[in-house]
Structure formats: structure tokens, C-alpha cells
Amino acid sequence: MKFASLLRSAALVTAVALIPATTATMAQVDGRAGPELAKIFAIMQRVQANYVEPVEDEVLVRGAIDGMMSALDPHSAYLDGGDLERLNQLIDGNYSGLGLSVIQEDGAVKVISPFKGSPADKMGIKAGDFITHLEGELIVGGELDDAVARMRGPAGTSINLTIFRPGRDEPLELSVTRGVIELEPVTHELMPGNIGHISINEFSADVGRDVYDAWAALQTEATGRMAGLVLDLRSNPGGSLDEAVALTDLFLEKGEIVSQRGRSWGETFDFQADDLDYYLRRRMTRSQAQIFMGEIAGDVPMIVLIDAGSASASEIVAGALQDHGRALIMGQRSFGKGSVQSLLPLGPDSALKLTTARYYTPKGKSVQEGGIAPDIRVPQISDPDFALREKYRTRESDLRGHLRNEIGLKDEEMVEDSIADPRFQLTSEELEEKGIEDFQLHYALETLRRTTASSVALNSRG
């Protein structure tokens, strides 16, 4: 099992920013824990001797491990061979299925986000949906691996899903045809007026380089000078911390990008822009690292789009560009996951994904619980279900056992402004008649068309 591949792919099923645990310290078990461990063995013996049916040792041990991890935050977990294999298949793109990023929440299969352009996306499955039945069979309370395995299958075959969408009275019954899932972390499009739109769907390997190439391609496609750039991080659940740093570095010449603080000295450090040694430590050549030295699109106004599905690595990028005044942040408050997970191998086919640090924006702000607040709040009113989904939207602060923000947050910092904005009163039907399918993107493009670089960048750099 290749743990490097897992690091690259973890964003596809969990909203995390992972780092390898090469510097993590392995704490010794406190001698005082002896009596507590004795309780575990005593319980195993009683169960094996007295339970109504025989129970295998591995079943009891796995149950004890899962119980131990459930006492921690929701992003720490034990991963065995099946979990690792699924993640490797995702990053390799060699599988057929529906194209969903899912987690298990209170026994139910919850959609983090559908991959853009996937069969699930085309059928209208949304972030926050709960899959309750497969082929009419209840899957609530079952194993996540089993549900994922059943949703996979040969391209061209179909599966019936029953979906509960918060805010709707009746479940949705959908028949989705499986397809070959080709993961495309970065896409780009030249919009009218020579404005670039670069969408980052997840932070897997080489995303920084992919964004660099996307910007170069946009410049080639443009009929003249580029007039603006929209960096789209919506519904991006996160991924590699290194790739978040590299992507941010493309747009900064100097200064801190992000810092992280953990219990051990090896988990406390900061990342700086244009740090050649950092890229050399990542085993890049000097020519490869040179891509990230300096600043691309430096004279071009930029807007970063975020929403409640923008988490972890996405929040690192948005927070850094906001703090440095390099971009205007637009959309909705982000997810609010400000913790870093390390992968601790336990053998060839198992590992711990363990929360080992919190991260902070250049101005020292933790996004844990509160997320990144946009400079301009723009609701996605082109989505007919927006109001209902927003009412039941799940963020980090809603997850059971989540880490608390160290400095504490006032209630008003966690609540979206509920005052009706006269700019956002059109219905989805009225927007559709105007040909506007994505209101947030439309609003960002219109903002860039009527403004200057200094005003969009908040004129606060340096």
C-alpha cells in the first residue's frame, strides 16, 4: 500500500489537509493506563465466554479501536486495508461509479460533494444529501465501505438511490447510471471580457502546477490582456497541505502563507512564500520550484469564491489571500475546519489519521468553527433549493466532538447575516430566464468587469 498516494487522495472522502507524519513523535503509553487496558482484556474475555454467539477476536479489537477513535474529534480515524484501497483507487481514477465524496455521519451516508461532471452531479445530487437506501434496501447503520462498494460498478449500469434532502418533506428516488470517474482537480475557462475562471475541485498532487498551467493557457487563449481572474474553491473539501501552500505561493511574492501549532515541536512551524528550501525538501528540482518563486497574475484583479463546502486546504488558500489583500473573498462563510491531520502508518495496510495540529492564517486567525468570512456575501440564489439547504447546512461547528476554537467565538461571528439584500431578490426561475445558471460566478464576473485591480485586491498588500 502506498501511503504517498493516500496523502494525495484523502481530500476525496474527507475534508482534511493531510501531512506525512515523518516528524510526529510516538508517545509512550502512560504506565497508569495499565488498569484501563486490563479492563479491555477483561471485557473481551467475558464477551468471548458468555456472548450468545461466537465472536472473532478481530471483530472485538476493531470495535475497541473504532470506539477509541470516536472519543476524539470527527477527523481522526483508523484506516485499514479497505479504506486505503478505496482512496488509492480514487486518486488513480481507475474506477467506475457515481462520483461522490461521502462520509458517515450518525450511521448515515452523507454527501460531502459530487465530483463536477460526474453521474451524481448530472443527476442533481447535492452536498448535504443523505443516501438512505440502495436498491430499496435501508443502509443507515451499515458500514460505509459496504455502501461505497455497492455504489461502484461497471460503467453503463444503473443503481437506484433514495435520498433524504434536509428541508424537503419527501425523499428523492433517483436512478443513476454509473460512469468512468476521471478526476480532474483543476479546470479553466476563458470568460467574456478576458476574465479567467479557474476551478479547483480538490487538492491532490500537482494542483499548484496545474493552476500555473491553467493561467498560462488562459493568457494564450485571451484576445488581449487578461482583465481578471476568478479562483473557484466552492465545494472543495480540501486535501494536501503542501498543495495548498504551493497554490497560494503562486499569487504571493513574500510573507507567511499559513502556520500550524501542535503539541510536539515537529508539528509547530510556518510556511513562507518563495521559500526555495521548502520546495527542495519536497524533492523538487530548482527548475520545478522556480514556478512558485514570484507571483503570477500580479497586475490582475482576483476574486476567490467560497461556500460552506470549502474546507481545510481551501480555507488555507482563501485565508492567506484575504489576509494579504491579494484577492477579494466572495460567496458564503466556509466550512470552518482549522485542524491538520497526520498519517501514522501502523503497518503495510493500516494507519491512523490523527489530528495533530491547528492551523492559522497569516494574521494569526484560527478558522476552526468560524471559517473564513467572505468580504462580500453572495448567496447562490440560482439554486432552487438554496434556502432549504442553507437552513440545514452542516459545518464543522455542527459536527459531534469537533475541536473548539481556542480563543472562543461570539455567536454573531457564527451566524450569517439574515437581513434581506435587495441585490439578491431574484428567484431561480427569474435567473434562469436571464440565462444565469450560476449566480455567484455571474456576480463575481460582473464585479471584475466594473472594477479595478487595486479595489478588488483591497489595496492592502505589503
Protein backbone atom coordinates (compact mmCIF):
# COMPACT_ATOMS: atom_id res chain seq x y z
CA MET A 1 0.00 0.00 0.00
CA LYS A 2 1.45 3.36 -1.00
CA PHE A 3 0.91 5.91 1.74
CA ALA A 4 2.09 8.75 -0.54
CA SER A 5 -0.88 8.05 -2.78
CA LEU A 6 -3.19 8.14 0.21
CA LEU A 7 -1.87 11.53 1.19
CA ARG A 8 -2.69 12.83 -2.24
CA SER A 9 -6.18 11.39 -2.27
CA ALA A 10 -7.53 11.94 1.23
CA ALA A 11 -9.48 15.02 0.19
CA LEU A 12 -11.79 12.85 -1.89
CA VAL A 13 -13.56 11.35 1.10
CA THR A 14 -12.75 13.67 4.00
CA ALA A 15 -12.42 17.40 4.36
CA VAL A 16 -8.84 17.38 5.61
CA ALA A 17 -5.41 18.78 4.93
CA LEU A 18 -3.00 15.93 5.43
CA ILE A 19 0.74 15.98 6.06
CA PRO A 20 3.06 12.98 6.33
CA ALA A 21 3.93 12.07 9.88
CA THR A 22 7.70 11.92 9.40
CA THR A 23 8.28 14.29 12.29
CA ALA A 24 5.47 13.08 14.54
CA THR A 25 6.52 11.78 17.92
CA MET A 26 5.17 8.48 19.13
CA ALA A 27 4.12 8.97 22.73
CA GLN A 28 4.72 6.17 25.20
CA VAL A 29 1.65 4.67 26.83
CA ASP A 30 1.35 6.07 30.33
CA GLY A 31 2.03 3.39 32.91
CA ARG A 32 -1.10 4.47 34.73
CA ALA A 33 -3.14 3.23 31.78
CA GLY A 34 -2.37 -0.37 32.75
CA PRO A 35 -5.55 -0.89 34.79
CA GLU A 36 -7.65 0.63 32.00
CA LEU A 37 -6.11 -1.71 29.42
CA ALA A 38 -6.79 -4.60 31.79
CA LYS A 39 -10.50 -3.67 31.66
CA ILE A 40 -10.45 -4.04 27.87
CA PHE A 41 -8.95 -7.52 28.07
CA ALA A 42 -11.37 -8.50 30.83
CA ILE A 43 -14.34 -7.37 28.75
CA MET A 44 -13.05 -9.28 25.71
CA GLN A 45 -12.75 -12.44 27.79
CA ARG A 46 -16.27 -12.06 29.20
CA VAL A 47 -17.72 -11.43 25.75
CA GLN A 48 -15.94 -14.40 24.21
CA ALA A 49 -17.03 -16.66 27.06
CA ASN A 50 -20.64 -15.54 27.51
CA TYR A 51 -21.98 -13.80 24.37
CA VAL A 52 -24.88 -15.63 22.76
CA GLU A 53 -22.84 -16.34 19.61
CA PRO A 54 -19.10 -16.82 19.00
CA VAL A 55 -17.25 -13.56 18.24
CA GLU A 56 -13.90 -13.38 16.44
CA ASP A 57 -11.03 -11.58 18.17
CA GLU A 58 -10.55 -9.23 15.22
CA VAL A 59 -14.18 -8.09 15.42
CA LEU A 60 -13.80 -7.13 19.07
CA VAL A 61 -10.42 -5.47 18.54
CA ARG A 62 -11.73 -3.42 15.62
CA GLY A 63 -14.72 -2.39 17.69
CA ALA A 64 -12.43 -1.27 20.52
CA ILE A 65 -10.29 0.75 18.08
CA ASP A 66 -13.31 2.41 16.50
CA GLY A 67 -14.66 3.26 19.95
CA MET A 68 -11.32 4.78 20.93
CA MET A 69 -11.19 6.96 17.80
CA SER A 70 -14.80 8.05 18.21
CA ALA A 71 -13.79 9.64 21.54
CA LEU A 72 -11.61 12.09 19.57
CA ASP A 73 -12.55 14.75 17.01
CA PRO A 74 -14.52 13.70 13.89
CA HIS A 75 -11.46 13.88 11.59
CA SER A 76 -9.37 11.30 13.44
CA ALA A 77 -9.87 7.71 12.30
CA TYR A 78 -8.36 4.26 11.95
CA LEU A 79 -7.88 3.24 8.32
CA ASP A 80 -7.50 -0.39 7.34
CA GLY A 81 -6.85 -2.06 4.02
CA GLY A 82 -10.29 -1.38 2.60
CA ASP A 83 -10.13 2.33 3.36
CA LEU A 84 -6.64 2.67 1.91
CA GLU A 85 -7.50 0.70 -1.20
CA ARG A 86 -10.56 2.86 -1.84
CA LEU A 87 -8.51 6.04 -1.55
CA ASN A 88 -5.83 4.75 -3.89
CA GLN A 89 -8.44 3.84 -6.46
CA LEU A 90 -9.88 7.34 -6.18
CA ILE A 91 -6.60 9.11 -6.79
CA ASP A 92 -5.66 6.81 -9.64
CA GLY A 93 -9.05 7.47 -11.24
CA ASN A 94 -9.32 3.78 -12.19
CA TYR A 95 -12.84 3.07 -11.08
CA SER A 96 -16.40 3.30 -12.25
CA GLY A 97 -19.15 4.62 -10.07
CA LEU A 98 -21.27 7.63 -9.26
CA GLY A 99 -18.56 10.19 -8.47
CA LEU A 100 -19.43 11.08 -4.89
CA SER A 101 -17.35 12.20 -1.94
CA VAL A 102 -19.10 10.81 1.15
CA ILE A 103 -18.68 10.37 4.88
CA GLN A 104 -20.63 8.52 7.53
CA GLU A 105 -22.48 10.73 9.97
CA ASP A 106 -24.51 9.22 12.81
CA GLY A 107 -24.76 5.98 10.86
CA ALA A 108 -25.97 7.60 7.63
CA VAL A 109 -24.11 8.12 4.34
CA LYS A 110 -23.77 11.86 3.84
CA VAL A 111 -22.65 13.53 0.62
CA ILE A 112 -19.77 15.98 1.04
CA SER A 113 -19.88 16.88 -2.63
CA PRO A 114 -20.38 15.28 -6.03
CA PHE A 115 -17.41 15.48 -8.38
CA LYS A 116 -18.09 18.07 -11.04
CA GLY A 117 -19.40 16.50 -14.22
CA SER A 118 -19.89 13.07 -12.58
CA PRO A 119 -23.06 10.98 -12.96
CA ALA A 120 -24.12 12.04 -9.46
CA ASP A 121 -23.58 15.71 -10.30
CA LYS A 122 -25.57 15.43 -13.52
CA MET A 123 -28.48 13.82 -11.65
CA GLY A 124 -28.63 16.75 -9.23
CA ILE A 125 -27.25 15.10 -6.08
CA LYS A 126 -26.14 17.91 -3.73
CA ALA A 127 -23.71 18.41 -0.86
CA GLY A 128 -25.55 17.68 2.39
CA ASP A 129 -27.83 15.00 0.91
CA PHE A 130 -28.23 11.75 2.86
CA ILE A 131 -28.35 8.44 0.98
CA THR A 132 -30.69 6.20 2.98
CA HIS A 133 -31.46 3.29 0.63
CA LEU A 134 -29.70 1.47 -2.21
CA GLU A 135 -32.00 -0.54 -4.47
CA GLY A 136 -34.73 -0.09 -1.87
CA GLU A 137 -32.62 -1.56 0.96
CA LEU A 138 -32.00 0.55 4.07
CA ILE A 139 -28.28 1.26 4.54
CA VAL A 140 -28.49 3.53 7.60
CA GLY A 141 -26.44 1.96 10.36
CA GLY A 142 -24.40 -0.16 7.96
CA GLU A 143 -20.72 0.08 7.06
CA LEU A 144 -19.60 2.97 4.86
CA ASP A 145 -17.28 0.65 2.91
CA ASP A 146 -20.19 -1.61 2.03
CA ALA A 147 -22.28 1.31 0.77
CA VAL A 148 -19.41 2.68 -1.31
CA ALA A 149 -18.71 -0.75 -2.80
CA ARG A 150 -22.35 -1.14 -3.80
CA MET A 151 -22.44 2.27 -5.47
CA ARG A 152 -19.48 1.28 -7.61
CA GLY A 153 -19.85 -0.99 -10.59
CA PRO A 154 -19.32 -1.23 -14.34
CA ALA A 155 -19.88 1.91 -16.38
CA GLY A 156 -23.29 1.93 -18.01
CA THR A 157 -25.06 0.02 -15.24
CA SER A 158 -27.59 1.77 -13.01
CA ILE A 159 -28.39 1.86 -9.31
CA ASN A 160 -31.47 3.20 -7.54
CA LEU A 161 -30.85 5.66 -4.70
CA THR A 162 -33.24 7.01 -2.08
CA ILE A 163 -32.06 10.41 -0.88
CA PHE A 164 -33.20 12.49 2.07
CA ARG A 165 -32.57 16.20 1.45
CA PRO A 166 -32.90 18.39 4.54
CA GLY A 167 -35.79 20.81 4.11
CA ARG A 168 -37.81 18.56 1.82
CA ASP A 169 -40.79 16.58 3.09
CA GLU A 170 -40.49 13.70 0.64
CA PRO A 171 -37.40 11.63 -0.22
CA LEU A 172 -35.95 11.71 -3.71
CA GLU A 173 -35.91 8.50 -5.75
CA LEU A 174 -33.14 8.57 -8.36
CA SER A 175 -31.80 6.04 -10.83
CA VAL A 176 -28.17 6.93 -11.53
CA THR A 177 -26.14 5.38 -14.34
CA ARG A 178 -22.57 4.66 -13.33
CA GLY A 179 -19.72 6.08 -15.37
CA VAL A 180 -15.94 6.09 -15.50
CA ILE A 181 -14.79 8.66 -12.96
CA GLU A 182 -11.95 10.76 -14.29
CA LEU A 183 -10.75 13.02 -11.53
CA GLU A 184 -9.88 16.46 -12.83
CA PRO A 185 -8.69 18.61 -9.92
CA VAL A 186 -8.24 21.81 -11.94
CA THR A 187 -10.34 23.14 -14.81
CA HIS A 188 -10.24 26.52 -16.51
CA GLU A 189 -12.36 28.59 -18.86
CA LEU A 190 -11.88 31.97 -20.52
CA MET A 191 -14.98 34.05 -19.84
CA PRO A 192 -16.18 37.04 -21.90
CA GLY A 193 -14.10 40.14 -21.32
CA ASN A 194 -10.82 38.21 -20.96
CA ILE A 195 -11.62 37.09 -17.42
CA GLY A 196 -10.24 33.73 -16.37
CA HIS A 197 -12.19 31.20 -14.32
CA ILE A 198 -10.03 28.54 -12.65
CA SER A 199 -11.89 25.95 -10.61
CA ILE A 200 -10.01 23.81 -8.07
CA ASN A 201 -12.10 20.77 -7.18
CA GLU A 202 -9.71 19.12 -4.70
CA PHE A 203 -6.12 19.48 -3.52
CA SER A 204 -4.40 16.39 -4.86
CA ALA A 205 -0.88 16.05 -6.26
CA ASP A 206 0.46 18.83 -8.51
CA VAL A 207 -2.55 21.12 -8.12
CA GLY A 208 -0.20 24.10 -7.75
CA ARG A 209 1.47 23.28 -11.05
CA ASP A 210 -1.92 22.63 -12.68
CA VAL A 211 -3.14 26.11 -11.70
CA TYR A 212 0.08 27.62 -13.07
CA ASP A 213 -0.51 25.81 -16.37
CA ALA A 214 -4.18 26.86 -16.39
CA TRP A 215 -3.21 30.53 -16.03
CA ALA A 216 -0.67 30.19 -18.86
CA ALA A 217 -3.35 28.60 -21.06
CA LEU A 218 -5.81 31.41 -20.31
CA GLN A 219 -3.24 34.00 -21.32
CA THR A 220 -2.73 32.18 -24.60
CA GLU A 221 -6.48 31.93 -25.27
CA ALA A 222 -7.17 35.59 -24.44
CA THR A 223 -7.54 38.09 -27.27
CA GLY A 224 -5.59 40.70 -25.32
CA ARG A 225 -4.52 41.48 -21.78
CA MET A 226 -6.23 39.45 -19.04
CA ALA A 227 -8.77 41.61 -17.21
CA GLY A 228 -9.40 39.49 -14.13
CA LEU A 229 -9.32 36.08 -12.50
CA VAL A 230 -11.90 34.09 -10.52
CA LEU A 231 -10.35 31.36 -8.38
CA ASP A 232 -13.20 28.99 -7.57
CA LEU A 233 -12.86 26.96 -4.34
CA ARG A 234 -16.55 26.20 -3.82
CA SER A 235 -17.41 22.67 -2.61
CA ASN A 236 -13.70 21.87 -2.38
CA PRO A 237 -13.31 19.70 0.74
CA GLY A 238 -9.53 20.14 0.99
CA GLY A 239 -6.59 17.80 0.64
CA SER A 240 -2.83 18.16 0.66
CA LEU A 241 -1.46 20.95 2.84
CA ASP A 242 1.63 21.14 0.61
CA GLU A 243 -0.52 21.78 -2.47
CA ALA A 244 -2.48 24.48 -0.66
CA VAL A 245 0.82 26.20 0.18
CA ALA A 246 2.12 25.85 -3.40
CA LEU A 247 -1.08 27.20 -4.94
CA THR A 248 -1.15 30.19 -2.60
CA ASP A 249 2.53 30.88 -3.28
CA LEU A 250 1.72 31.35 -6.97
CA PHE A 251 -0.09 34.57 -6.07
CA LEU A 252 2.23 35.96 -3.36
CA GLU A 253 5.75 37.35 -3.52
CA LYS A 254 6.50 37.36 0.19
CA GLY A 255 5.08 36.82 3.65
CA GLU A 256 3.57 33.99 5.64
CA ILE A 257 1.07 31.67 3.98
CA VAL A 258 -0.06 29.60 6.96
CA SER A 259 1.22 28.41 10.32
CA GLN A 260 0.39 25.33 12.31
CA ARG A 261 0.71 24.66 16.02
CA GLY A 262 0.66 21.26 17.65
CA ARG A 263 1.71 19.61 20.91
CA SER A 264 5.09 18.42 19.61
CA TRP A 265 7.84 20.68 18.29
CA GLY A 266 7.74 18.83 14.97
CA GLU A 267 4.14 19.89 14.42
CA THR A 268 4.70 23.62 15.02
CA PHE A 269 6.07 25.69 12.15
CA ASP A 270 5.06 28.17 9.46
CA PHE A 271 5.12 28.26 5.67
CA GLN A 272 6.54 31.30 3.88
CA ALA A 273 6.09 32.45 0.29
CA ASP A 274 9.03 31.98 -2.08
CA ASP A 275 10.85 29.61 0.29
CA LEU A 276 13.15 27.68 -2.05
CA ASP A 277 14.35 25.35 0.69
CA TYR A 278 10.77 24.25 1.35
CA TYR A 279 10.33 23.10 -2.25
CA LEU A 280 13.74 21.40 -2.28
CA ARG A 281 12.69 19.48 0.85
CA ARG A 282 9.69 18.31 -1.15
CA ARG A 283 12.23 16.80 -3.56
CA MET A 284 11.55 19.28 -6.32
CA THR A 285 14.36 20.35 -8.64
CA ARG A 286 15.29 24.02 -8.67
CA SER A 287 13.63 24.46 -12.05
CA GLN A 288 10.41 22.90 -10.73
CA ALA A 289 10.49 25.09 -7.62
CA GLN A 290 11.09 28.21 -9.70
CA ILE A 291 7.47 28.09 -10.85
CA PHE A 292 6.39 29.12 -7.37
CA MET A 293 9.00 31.84 -6.93
CA GLY A 294 7.49 35.25 -7.59
CA GLU A 295 3.87 36.00 -8.42
CA ILE A 296 1.62 35.16 -11.33
CA ALA A 297 -1.30 37.40 -12.33
CA GLY A 298 0.23 40.14 -10.16
CA ASP A 299 -1.39 43.00 -12.07
CA VAL A 300 -4.77 41.28 -12.46
CA PRO A 301 -7.70 41.76 -10.05
CA MET A 302 -8.75 38.48 -8.45
CA ILE A 303 -11.81 37.12 -6.67
CA VAL A 304 -11.87 33.87 -4.69
CA LEU A 305 -15.24 32.12 -4.49
CA ILE A 306 -16.00 30.04 -1.38
CA ASP A 307 -19.06 28.43 0.17
CA ALA A 308 -19.99 26.18 3.10
CA GLY A 309 -18.36 23.25 1.28
CA SER A 310 -14.97 24.97 1.09
CA ALA A 311 -12.92 23.33 3.82
CA SER A 312 -9.44 22.83 5.21
CA ALA A 313 -6.89 23.36 2.40
CA SER A 314 -9.40 25.61 0.61
CA GLU A 315 -9.63 27.76 3.73
CA ILE A 316 -5.83 27.98 3.92
CA VAL A 317 -5.72 29.45 0.42
CA ALA A 318 -8.66 31.82 0.94
CA GLY A 319 -7.40 32.96 4.36
CA ALA A 320 -3.90 33.74 3.11
CA LEU A 321 -5.04 35.65 0.03
CA GLN A 322 -7.55 37.56 2.15
CA ASP A 323 -5.05 38.48 4.89
CA HIS A 324 -2.50 39.68 2.33
CA GLY A 325 -5.17 41.67 0.49
CA ARG A 326 -4.33 39.84 -2.72
CA ALA A 327 -7.90 38.84 -3.53
CA LEU A 328 -11.47 39.66 -2.66
CA ILE A 329 -13.23 36.73 -1.00
CA MET A 330 -16.81 36.29 -2.19
CA GLY A 331 -19.62 33.83 -1.58
CA GLN A 332 -20.60 32.29 1.76
CA ARG A 333 -18.83 31.53 5.01
CA SER A 334 -16.61 28.48 4.62
CA PHE A 335 -16.85 25.16 6.47
CA GLY A 336 -14.59 26.04 9.40
CA LYS A 337 -12.10 23.17 9.59
CA GLY A 338 -8.88 24.55 11.04
CA SER A 339 -7.08 21.35 12.01
CA VAL A 340 -4.28 19.33 10.43
CA GLN A 341 -4.25 15.54 10.25
CA SER A 342 -1.10 13.41 10.14
CA LEU A 343 -0.99 9.93 8.70
CA LEU A 344 0.69 7.49 11.11
CA PRO A 345 1.40 4.13 9.42
CA LEU A 346 0.77 1.08 11.60
CA GLY A 347 1.88 -1.49 9.06
CA PRO A 348 1.62 -2.27 5.35
CA ASP A 349 -2.16 -1.97 5.21
CA SER A 350 -3.33 0.16 8.13
CA ALA A 351 -2.77 3.63 9.55
CA LEU A 352 -4.09 6.26 11.92
CA LYS A 353 -5.36 9.53 10.54
CA LEU A 354 -4.85 11.68 13.62
CA THR A 355 -5.46 15.36 14.30
CA THR A 356 -2.07 16.70 15.40
CA ALA A 357 -2.23 20.49 14.98
CA ARG A 358 -4.35 23.56 14.34
CA TYR A 359 -3.54 25.96 11.54
CA TYR A 360 -3.72 29.75 11.47
CA THR A 361 -3.94 32.40 8.77
CA PRO A 362 -1.09 34.93 8.32
CA LYS A 363 -2.81 37.33 10.73
CA GLY A 364 -2.99 34.62 13.40
CA LYS A 365 -6.66 33.79 13.00
CA SER A 366 -7.88 30.25 13.51
CA VAL A 367 -10.65 29.24 11.12
CA GLN A 368 -11.73 26.38 13.39
CA GLU A 369 -15.52 26.54 13.84
CA GLY A 370 -15.91 30.07 12.41
CA GLY A 371 -14.43 29.51 8.95
CA ILE A 372 -13.46 32.25 6.51
CA ALA A 373 -15.96 35.09 6.32
CA PRO A 374 -16.28 36.46 2.77
CA ASP A 375 -15.59 40.13 2.12
CA ILE A 376 -18.80 40.19 0.08
CA ARG A 377 -21.54 37.71 0.95
CA VAL A 378 -23.27 36.40 -2.17
CA PRO A 379 -25.89 33.64 -1.79
CA GLN A 380 -26.35 31.04 -4.54
CA ILE A 381 -29.87 32.14 -5.38
CA SER A 382 -29.75 30.38 -8.77
CA ASP A 383 -30.16 27.09 -6.86
CA PRO A 384 -33.91 26.49 -6.34
CA ASP A 385 -33.16 24.54 -3.14
CA PHE A 386 -30.72 27.10 -1.75
CA ALA A 387 -32.90 28.44 1.07
CA LEU A 388 -33.88 24.99 2.32
CA ARG A 389 -30.35 23.58 2.14
CA GLU A 390 -28.89 26.65 3.82
CA LYS A 391 -31.33 26.22 6.70
CA TYR A 392 -29.99 22.71 7.36
CA ARG A 393 -26.38 23.27 6.26
CA THR A 394 -23.76 21.35 8.24
CA ARG A 395 -20.46 22.99 9.10
CA GLU A 396 -17.54 21.99 11.33
CA SER A 397 -19.21 23.57 14.36
CA ASP A 398 -22.16 21.19 13.90
CA LEU A 399 -20.08 18.01 13.99
CA ARG A 400 -20.14 15.98 17.17
CA GLY A 401 -16.85 16.16 19.07
CA HIS A 402 -15.34 18.91 16.94
CA LEU A 403 -12.38 20.89 18.28
CA ARG A 404 -13.25 24.22 19.84
CA ASN A 405 -11.74 27.49 18.67
CA GLU A 406 -9.05 28.32 21.23
CA ILE A 407 -10.00 31.98 21.57
CA GLY A 408 -13.71 31.33 21.51
CA LEU A 409 -16.20 32.78 19.06
CA LYS A 410 -19.08 35.12 19.68
CA ASP A 411 -22.45 33.90 18.47
CA GLU A 412 -22.71 36.72 15.96
CA GLU A 413 -19.48 35.54 14.34
CA MET A 414 -21.06 32.17 13.62
CA VAL A 415 -24.38 33.38 12.24
CA GLU A 416 -24.88 34.56 8.68
CA ASP A 417 -26.44 37.96 8.10
CA SER A 418 -30.16 37.30 7.72
CA ILE A 419 -31.11 40.80 6.55
CA ALA A 420 -32.59 40.67 3.06
CA ASP A 421 -30.24 42.21 0.50
CA PRO A 422 -32.08 43.97 -2.34
CA ARG A 423 -29.40 42.81 -4.80
CA PHE A 424 -30.28 39.16 -4.23
CA GLN A 425 -34.06 39.04 -4.53
CA LEU A 426 -34.47 37.35 -7.92
CA THR A 427 -35.79 33.80 -7.89
CA SER A 428 -34.01 30.87 -9.53
CA GLU A 429 -36.71 30.84 -12.22
CA GLU A 430 -36.16 34.53 -13.00
CA LEU A 431 -32.40 34.00 -13.17
CA GLU A 432 -32.88 31.02 -15.49
CA GLU A 433 -34.93 33.20 -17.82
CA LYS A 434 -31.97 35.61 -17.93
CA GLY A 435 -29.61 32.74 -18.76
CA ILE A 436 -27.86 32.83 -15.36
CA GLU A 437 -27.19 29.29 -14.13
CA ASP A 438 -24.53 30.13 -11.53
CA PHE A 439 -25.35 33.39 -9.77
CA GLN A 440 -22.24 33.50 -7.57
CA LEU A 441 -19.93 33.15 -10.56
CA HIS A 442 -22.04 35.64 -12.52
CA TYR A 443 -21.78 38.18 -9.69
CA ALA A 444 -18.02 37.70 -9.43
CA LEU A 445 -17.55 38.22 -13.17
CA GLU A 446 -19.72 41.34 -13.16
CA THR A 447 -17.75 42.70 -10.21
CA LEU A 448 -14.47 42.24 -12.07
CA ARG A 449 -15.85 43.88 -15.21
CA ARG A 450 -16.74 47.07 -13.36
CA THR A 451 -13.79 47.47 -11.04
CA THR A 452 -10.03 47.98 -10.92
CA ALA A 453 -7.22 45.76 -9.70
CA SER A 454 -6.50 47.90 -6.65
CA SER A 455 -10.08 47.93 -5.44
CA VAL A 456 -10.63 44.20 -5.85
CA ALA A 457 -7.36 43.43 -4.08
CA LEU A 458 -8.48 45.76 -1.25
CA ASN A 459 -5.27 47.74 -1.86
CA SER A 460 -3.77 46.37 1.35
CA ARG A 461 -0.72 44.46 0.22
CA GLY A 462 2.75 44.98 1.63
